[in-house]
Protein backbone atom coordinates (compact mmCIF):
# COMPACT_ATOMS: atom_id res chain seq x y z
CA MET A 1 136.95 100.11 98.40
CA LEU A 2 133.88 102.11 99.35
CA SER A 3 134.03 104.79 101.96
CA GLU A 4 131.60 104.59 104.84
CA SER A 5 129.38 107.36 103.47
CA SER A 6 129.15 105.82 99.99
CA TYR A 7 128.41 102.40 101.53
CA LEU A 8 125.59 103.88 103.61
CA THR A 9 124.25 105.78 100.60
CA ALA A 10 124.21 102.62 98.51
CA LEU A 11 122.54 100.72 101.33
CA TYR A 12 119.84 103.39 101.72
CA VAL A 13 119.21 103.48 97.96
CA TYR A 14 118.88 99.69 97.85
CA ILE A 15 116.48 99.63 100.81
CA GLY A 16 114.47 102.47 99.27
CA ALA A 17 114.22 100.62 95.95
CA ALA A 18 113.15 97.42 97.72
CA LEU A 19 110.47 99.30 99.67
CA ALA A 20 109.29 100.99 96.46
CA MET A 21 109.01 97.56 94.82
CA MET A 22 106.99 96.31 97.78
CA LEU A 23 104.65 99.31 97.51
CA LEU A 24 104.29 98.77 93.76
CA LEU A 25 103.38 95.12 94.29
CA GLY A 26 100.87 96.10 96.96
CA TRP A 27 99.29 98.62 94.62
CA TRP A 28 99.35 96.20 91.70
CA PHE A 29 97.53 93.45 93.65
CA ARG A 30 95.24 95.81 95.60
CA ARG A 31 92.06 94.07 94.41
CA ALA A 32 93.18 90.76 95.97
CA PRO A 33 94.31 91.56 99.52
CA GLY A 34 95.45 88.02 100.29
CA LEU A 35 97.62 87.88 97.19
CA ALA A 36 98.85 91.42 97.81
CA SER A 37 100.00 90.56 101.33
CA LEU A 38 101.77 87.45 100.03
CA ALA A 39 103.48 89.38 97.23
CA VAL A 40 104.54 92.27 99.46
CA LEU A 41 105.80 90.10 102.32
CA LEU A 42 107.57 87.61 100.06
CA SER A 43 109.28 90.35 98.07
CA GLY A 44 110.42 91.95 101.32
CA ALA A 45 111.65 88.58 102.55
CA LEU A 46 113.70 88.09 99.40
CA LEU A 47 115.01 91.62 98.94
CA LEU A 48 115.71 92.94 102.44
CA PRO A 49 117.67 90.35 104.48
CA PRO A 50 121.40 91.13 104.69
CA ALA A 51 124.35 88.74 104.59
CA TYR A 52 128.10 89.02 104.79
CA PRO A 53 129.62 88.59 101.31
CA ARG A 54 132.46 86.42 102.71
CA ASP A 55 134.38 85.72 105.91
CA GLY A 56 136.19 88.64 107.43
CA VAL A 57 134.09 91.32 105.75
CA GLU A 58 132.40 93.83 108.05
CA THR A 59 129.85 95.19 105.57
CA PHE A 60 126.54 93.68 104.56
CA ALA A 61 125.14 93.00 101.13
CA PRO A 62 121.66 91.82 100.12
CA ALA A 63 121.41 88.12 100.90
CA LEU A 64 119.79 87.35 97.54
CA VAL A 65 122.72 88.91 95.67
CA VAL A 66 125.30 87.19 97.91
CA ALA A 67 123.57 83.83 97.48
CA ALA A 68 123.36 84.17 93.70
CA PHE A 69 126.98 85.20 93.24
CA GLN A 70 128.37 82.60 95.62
CA TRP A 71 126.19 79.84 94.17
CA VAL A 72 127.42 80.61 90.65
CA ASN A 73 131.08 81.18 91.53
CA GLU A 74 131.77 78.83 94.44
CA GLY A 75 128.89 76.35 94.61
CA ARG A 76 125.92 75.68 96.83
CA GLU A 77 127.85 75.12 100.05
CA ALA A 78 129.42 78.58 99.87
CA ALA A 79 126.00 80.16 99.41
CA MET A 80 124.33 78.41 102.35
CA HIS A 81 125.11 81.18 104.84
CA ALA A 82 123.07 83.56 102.68
CA LEU A 83 120.35 81.06 101.74
CA LYS A 84 119.43 80.26 105.34
CA PRO A 85 118.15 83.76 106.24
CA LEU A 86 116.39 83.96 102.87
CA ALA A 87 114.61 80.67 103.50
CA ALA A 88 113.65 81.63 107.05
CA ALA A 89 112.34 85.03 105.99
CA SER A 90 110.41 83.50 103.08
CA VAL A 91 108.76 80.89 105.29
CA ALA A 92 107.85 83.59 107.82
CA ALA A 93 106.40 85.76 105.03
CA VAL A 94 104.24 82.92 103.67
CA VAL A 95 103.00 81.99 107.15
CA LEU A 96 102.22 85.61 108.01
CA ALA A 97 100.42 86.16 104.68
CA LEU A 98 98.39 83.00 105.27
CA LEU A 99 97.48 84.13 108.78
CA TRP A 100 96.46 87.56 107.47
CA ARG A 101 94.37 85.92 104.75
CA LEU A 102 92.60 83.72 107.28
CA THR A 103 91.99 86.48 109.83
CA LEU A 104 92.10 90.06 108.55
CA PHE A 105 91.03 89.59 104.94
CA ARG A 106 88.55 86.74 105.49
CA GLY A 107 85.25 88.59 105.26
CA ARG A 108 86.26 91.33 102.86
CA ARG A 109 86.03 89.26 99.69
CA ARG A 110 82.52 88.01 100.48
CA ALA A 111 81.35 91.55 101.21
CA VAL A 112 82.79 92.82 97.93
CA ASP A 113 81.25 89.91 95.97
CA GLU A 114 77.83 90.51 97.57
CA GLU A 115 78.06 94.22 96.82
CA GLN A 116 78.85 93.54 93.16
CA ALA A 117 76.09 90.91 92.86
CA ALA A 118 73.40 93.14 94.42
CA PRO A 119 71.05 94.72 91.85
CA ASP A 120 71.27 98.46 91.39
CA PRO A 121 68.15 100.08 93.00
CA ALA A 122 68.25 102.96 90.52
CA GLY A 123 68.49 100.68 87.55
């Protein structure tokens, strides 16, 4: 079994990799802020929630990994305890991305389109 320090190290490495993936997605979709917010929030919602691997275990594992392994090995009912936080986090991510798209990023696309469509005064 893992010692406490190796468990924490593995947990920090996993969280760091998930955050790096979120940053990469944000950079990749930087030209479309609405899509970038959806991609970043949804990837965080799928990668970051924890779940207990089984009853009686005191350590966490990524809920996506727990759900996948339990779904394959023991069926859907065994994976439900890990699927519920994934579903809730995913719905929250989509709602938040939609709200951001409708409020924060609403006027930016029109301004960028108008700037690109404007004739060059020097040209």
